[in-house]
Amino acid sequence: MKTIIVGGGKIGFYLVKTLSERGYTTTIIEQSKERSRYCANNLEAEVICGNGTTVEALEAAGVDKADSLIAVTGNDECNLVSCQIAKNKYGVKKTIAKVNNPKNADTLKALGVDIVISATDNIIQLLEHEVDLSAMKRLLQFNDDSTSLMEITLPEGYALEGKSIQQIAVPNTCNIACISRGDRTIIPRGGTLLLSGDILLVVMQNSAEKELRRVLKIKD
């Protein structure tokens, strides 16, 4: 798979290094001559010294044969333009842009970027997950990155003590696979009661996490 990285800073550098180790064919476009030399001397990747928002640089990087383009410069407008040219002019299937100002994320998506990554939002999400570890823990992220296996520990004095699963409006995109209760493992049914101290293993769509918290009364 051929991937073009626009931006040879620290993020682009380590992204190329990781992708190359996983068998991707990678090309970096970096405007700074000094940074381009550094990338060329330290990476097993093609390096184009040029402006990733120009047709000339993108064509030199082989954009017409690329499966994806990832723009990670420090300028949101440049990242957007690179993705738009790759998508609209050359039909690149997947475009990804780093957004430096989270307020620009929706705009980039609306203007056609397939995936927008905000470092600020990612850090906030990591902090939120870290805070929630005592009650809700992500054990496994499946390959499509949209589904997870979650471990949920019901606290002492649980608000829904004695309620059955069928009495709780668990989202359709969540499935309580099993319940660990002391030394017992229970394969739950609709009539299974929830008790304080139960440990639930739930297969769920990540998008349903907030709703699942709400219906199970798991505090943020």
Protein backbone atom coordinates (compact mmCIF):
# COMPACT_ATOMS: atom_id res chain seq x y z
CA MET A 1 0.00 0.00 0.00
CA LYS A 2 1.38 3.40 -0.99
CA THR A 3 0.95 6.30 1.42
CA ILE A 4 2.03 9.93 1.05
CA ILE A 5 2.83 11.90 4.19
CA VAL A 6 2.68 15.69 3.87
CA GLY A 7 4.84 17.18 6.61
CA GLY A 8 8.19 15.80 7.76
CA GLY A 9 8.13 17.11 11.33
CA LYS A 10 8.20 14.83 14.34
CA ILE A 11 4.72 13.42 13.71
CA GLY A 12 5.36 12.79 10.02
CA PHE A 13 8.81 11.36 10.70
CA TYR A 14 7.66 8.78 13.23
CA LEU A 15 4.53 8.03 11.25
CA VAL A 16 6.64 7.11 8.22
CA LYS A 17 9.01 5.09 10.37
CA THR A 18 6.14 3.07 11.82
CA LEU A 19 4.34 2.58 8.50
CA SER A 20 7.56 1.50 6.78
CA GLU A 21 8.15 -1.11 9.47
CA ARG A 22 4.66 -2.46 8.75
CA GLY A 23 5.34 -2.85 5.04
CA TYR A 24 3.82 0.34 3.64
CA THR A 25 5.46 2.15 0.73
CA THR A 26 5.80 5.71 2.00
CA THR A 27 6.80 9.06 0.55
CA ILE A 28 7.27 12.28 2.54
CA ILE A 29 6.70 15.76 1.18
CA GLU A 30 8.51 18.35 3.31
CA GLN A 31 9.05 22.00 2.45
CA SER A 32 12.12 22.62 4.61
CA LYS A 33 15.37 21.61 2.90
CA GLU A 34 17.07 20.96 6.22
CA ARG A 35 14.23 18.76 7.48
CA SER A 36 14.04 16.97 4.13
CA ARG A 37 17.73 16.05 4.38
CA TYR A 38 17.23 14.79 7.91
CA CYS A 39 14.31 12.58 6.83
CA ALA A 40 16.22 11.28 3.80
CA ASN A 41 19.24 10.38 5.95
CA ASN A 42 17.27 8.67 8.69
CA LEU A 43 14.36 6.96 6.98
CA GLU A 44 13.92 4.26 4.37
CA ALA A 45 11.43 6.35 2.44
CA GLU A 46 11.35 8.59 -0.60
CA VAL A 47 11.56 12.26 0.37
CA ILE A 48 10.28 15.09 -1.83
CA CYS A 49 11.41 18.58 -0.89
CA GLY A 50 8.49 20.75 -1.84
CA ASN A 51 5.14 22.26 -0.91
CA GLY A 52 2.52 19.57 -0.32
CA THR A 53 -0.25 21.89 -1.46
CA THR A 54 1.11 22.04 -5.02
CA VAL A 55 0.37 19.70 -7.88
CA GLU A 56 4.10 19.55 -8.71
CA ALA A 57 5.13 18.18 -5.32
CA LEU A 58 2.20 15.78 -5.11
CA GLU A 59 2.87 14.39 -8.59
CA ALA A 60 6.56 14.02 -7.81
CA ALA A 61 5.49 11.93 -4.79
CA GLY A 62 3.36 9.70 -7.03
CA VAL A 63 -0.05 10.85 -5.83
CA ASP A 64 -1.74 9.25 -8.85
CA LYS A 65 -0.68 5.83 -7.52
CA ALA A 66 -1.28 6.50 -3.81
CA ASP A 67 -3.86 4.63 -1.75
CA SER A 68 -3.87 7.26 0.98
CA LEU A 69 -2.54 10.70 1.87
CA ILE A 70 -1.93 11.90 5.42
CA ALA A 71 -1.34 15.62 5.98
CA VAL A 72 0.32 16.43 9.31
CA THR A 73 1.79 19.91 8.87
CA GLY A 74 1.32 22.62 11.49
CA ASN A 75 -1.10 24.51 9.23
CA ASP A 76 -4.72 23.35 9.04
CA GLU A 77 -5.35 25.12 5.73
CA CYS A 78 -2.36 23.41 4.10
CA ASN A 79 -3.51 20.03 5.40
CA LEU A 80 -6.97 20.65 3.94
CA VAL A 81 -5.66 21.73 0.53
CA SER A 82 -3.33 18.73 0.25
CA CYS A 83 -6.20 16.36 1.03
CA GLN A 84 -8.60 18.08 -1.36
CA ILE A 85 -6.17 17.96 -4.29
CA ALA A 86 -5.36 14.31 -3.62
CA LYS A 87 -9.03 13.35 -3.35
CA ASN A 88 -10.62 15.53 -6.03
CA LYS A 89 -7.92 15.65 -8.71
CA TYR A 90 -6.27 12.24 -8.31
CA GLY A 91 -8.97 10.10 -6.70
CA VAL A 92 -6.92 9.06 -3.66
CA LYS A 93 -9.24 6.77 -1.70
CA LYS A 94 -8.37 7.80 1.86
CA THR A 95 -7.33 11.24 3.06
CA ILE A 96 -6.37 12.00 6.66
CA ALA A 97 -5.57 15.41 8.13
CA LYS A 98 -4.20 16.49 11.48
CA VAL A 99 -6.09 19.49 12.77
CA ASN A 100 -4.15 21.83 15.03
CA ASN A 101 -7.16 23.89 16.09
CA PRO A 102 -10.03 21.57 17.19
CA LYS A 103 -12.53 24.23 16.09
CA ASN A 104 -11.53 23.52 12.48
CA ALA A 105 -12.30 19.79 12.65
CA ASP A 106 -15.92 20.01 11.47
CA THR A 107 -14.94 22.34 8.63
CA LEU A 108 -12.31 19.93 7.32
CA LYS A 109 -14.79 17.06 7.43
CA ALA A 110 -17.43 19.12 5.67
CA LEU A 111 -14.93 19.98 2.94
CA GLY A 112 -14.22 16.35 2.15
CA VAL A 113 -11.38 15.10 4.36
CA ASP A 114 -12.15 11.48 5.21
CA ILE A 115 -10.58 11.39 8.67
CA VAL A 116 -9.71 14.40 10.84
CA ILE A 117 -7.43 13.86 13.82
CA SER A 118 -7.23 16.37 16.64
CA ALA A 119 -4.36 15.88 19.08
CA THR A 120 -6.21 18.03 21.62
CA ASP A 121 -9.37 15.91 21.43
CA ASN A 122 -7.34 12.69 21.60
CA ILE A 123 -5.61 13.84 24.78
CA ILE A 124 -8.96 14.78 26.32
CA GLN A 125 -10.40 11.36 25.42
CA LEU A 126 -7.38 9.62 26.93
CA LEU A 127 -7.78 11.64 30.12
CA GLU A 128 -11.48 10.78 30.28
CA HIS A 129 -10.79 7.07 29.80
CA GLU A 130 -8.07 7.21 32.47
CA VAL A 131 -10.44 8.80 34.95
CA ASP A 132 -13.05 6.12 34.24
CA LEU A 133 -10.76 3.12 34.72
CA SER A 134 -12.23 2.18 38.13
CA ALA A 135 -15.68 1.61 36.66
CA MET A 136 -15.29 1.17 32.91
CA LYS A 137 -12.22 -0.16 31.16
CA ARG A 138 -11.54 -0.76 27.48
CA LEU A 139 -9.91 -4.20 27.22
CA LEU A 140 -9.72 -4.58 23.47
CA GLN A 141 -10.23 -2.46 20.37
CA PHE A 142 -11.28 -4.53 17.37
CA ASN A 143 -9.72 -4.15 13.93
CA ASP A 144 -12.25 -1.70 12.54
CA ASP A 145 -11.64 0.68 15.48
CA SER A 146 -15.40 1.14 15.91
CA THR A 147 -16.02 -1.76 18.30
CA SER A 148 -14.54 -2.56 21.70
CA LEU A 149 -14.64 -5.13 24.48
CA MET A 150 -15.36 -3.24 27.70
CA GLU A 151 -15.09 -4.34 31.32
CA ILE A 152 -17.61 -2.62 33.58
CA THR A 153 -17.46 -3.01 37.35
CA LEU A 154 -20.72 -2.21 39.14
CA PRO A 155 -19.94 -0.25 42.34
CA GLU A 156 -21.01 -1.04 45.88
CA GLY A 157 -24.47 0.34 46.56
CA TYR A 158 -25.18 0.15 42.84
CA ALA A 159 -28.12 2.34 41.84
CA LEU A 160 -29.77 -0.44 39.77
CA GLU A 161 -29.20 -3.22 42.33
CA GLY A 162 -31.61 -6.09 41.67
CA LYS A 163 -32.83 -4.81 38.29
CA SER A 164 -32.89 -7.32 35.46
CA ILE A 165 -31.14 -6.69 32.14
CA GLN A 166 -34.49 -6.60 30.35
CA GLN A 167 -35.61 -3.78 32.66
CA ILE A 168 -32.71 -1.62 31.48
CA ALA A 169 -32.72 -0.07 28.02
CA VAL A 170 -29.29 -1.34 26.98
CA PRO A 171 -28.47 0.12 23.53
CA ASN A 172 -28.94 -2.27 20.61
CA THR A 173 -25.27 -1.80 19.69
CA CYS A 174 -24.16 -3.22 23.06
CA ASN A 175 -24.16 -6.87 24.11
CA ILE A 176 -23.47 -8.01 27.69
CA ALA A 177 -21.51 -11.16 26.88
CA CYS A 178 -20.93 -12.45 30.41
CA ILE A 179 -21.01 -11.45 34.08
CA SER A 180 -18.36 -12.37 36.61
CA ARG A 181 -19.85 -12.63 40.11
CA GLY A 182 -17.40 -13.78 42.74
CA ASP A 183 -16.11 -17.15 41.54
CA ARG A 184 -19.03 -17.63 39.14
CA THR A 185 -19.28 -16.77 35.46
CA ILE A 186 -22.81 -16.11 34.26
CA ILE A 187 -23.99 -16.10 30.67
CA PRO A 188 -26.72 -13.49 31.04
CA ARG A 189 -30.25 -13.54 29.75
CA GLY A 190 -32.95 -10.88 29.89
CA GLY A 191 -34.02 -11.98 33.35
CA THR A 192 -30.50 -11.93 34.84
CA LEU A 193 -30.28 -9.49 37.75
CA LEU A 194 -27.49 -6.96 38.15
CA LEU A 195 -25.82 -6.82 41.57
CA SER A 196 -23.20 -4.63 43.21
CA GLY A 197 -19.70 -5.92 42.51
CA ASP A 198 -20.68 -7.64 39.24
CA ILE A 199 -18.08 -7.38 36.49
CA LEU A 200 -19.67 -7.14 33.06
CA LEU A 201 -17.92 -7.91 29.80
CA VAL A 202 -19.62 -5.93 27.04
CA VAL A 203 -19.03 -5.99 23.30
CA MET A 204 -20.12 -2.61 22.02
CA GLN A 205 -19.92 0.04 19.33
CA ASN A 206 -17.71 2.84 20.63
CA SER A 207 -20.35 5.38 19.64
CA ALA A 208 -22.71 3.92 22.26
CA GLU A 209 -20.40 4.44 25.24
CA LYS A 210 -22.08 7.56 26.62
CA GLU A 211 -25.56 6.07 26.25
CA LEU A 212 -24.47 2.84 27.95
CA ARG A 213 -23.02 4.84 30.84
CA ARG A 214 -26.32 6.67 31.19
CA VAL A 215 -28.58 3.63 31.23
CA LEU A 216 -26.29 1.66 33.55
CA LYS A 217 -25.85 4.75 35.76
CA ILE A 218 -22.07 4.56 35.60
CA LYS A 219 -20.75 7.90 36.81
CA ASP A 220 -18.31 9.87 34.63
